[in-house]
Amino acid sequence: MANKTRIVLVDDEEILLTVITKKLSEQFEAISFINPIMALEYIRENHNQVDILLTDYKMPVLDGIELILTVEKINPAIKKVLLTAYSDMLTKNTKIPRCDLLLEKSILQSLDELVNMISTLIE
């Protein structure tokens, strides 16, 4: 049996994180963290087993962009997905360094769409 794709999810909104993790766990191995520092420690220790980082943009202590840039140094092969509630980041065609996918949090209204987008990222 092939190993499931392992996704590390990071968001400081616990309810949202729980909902996303539950949905992604139907198809992937989803590991969630409220604290980005704890997620970073996990990725450092397991960098060869993590396939995708899905992180919120705005978080205390360490924002999503800082997290993505740090993970890029640890293992550039990890795909990086940034979720943002700030739609102006998308309308301005903001380029986030080292980010494979930039999504507005409104996509979470259709969790199936999120699963589809992540699936295409790993193909």
Foldseek 3Di string as FASTA:
>chain_A
DDAFAEEEEEALPVVLQVVLQVLLVVRGRYHYDNDLVVSLVVCLVVVVRHAEYEYEADDPPAGLLNSQVSNCVSPLRRAYEYEYCPCVCVVVVPDRPSHPYYYYCVCVVPSVVVNVVVVVVVD
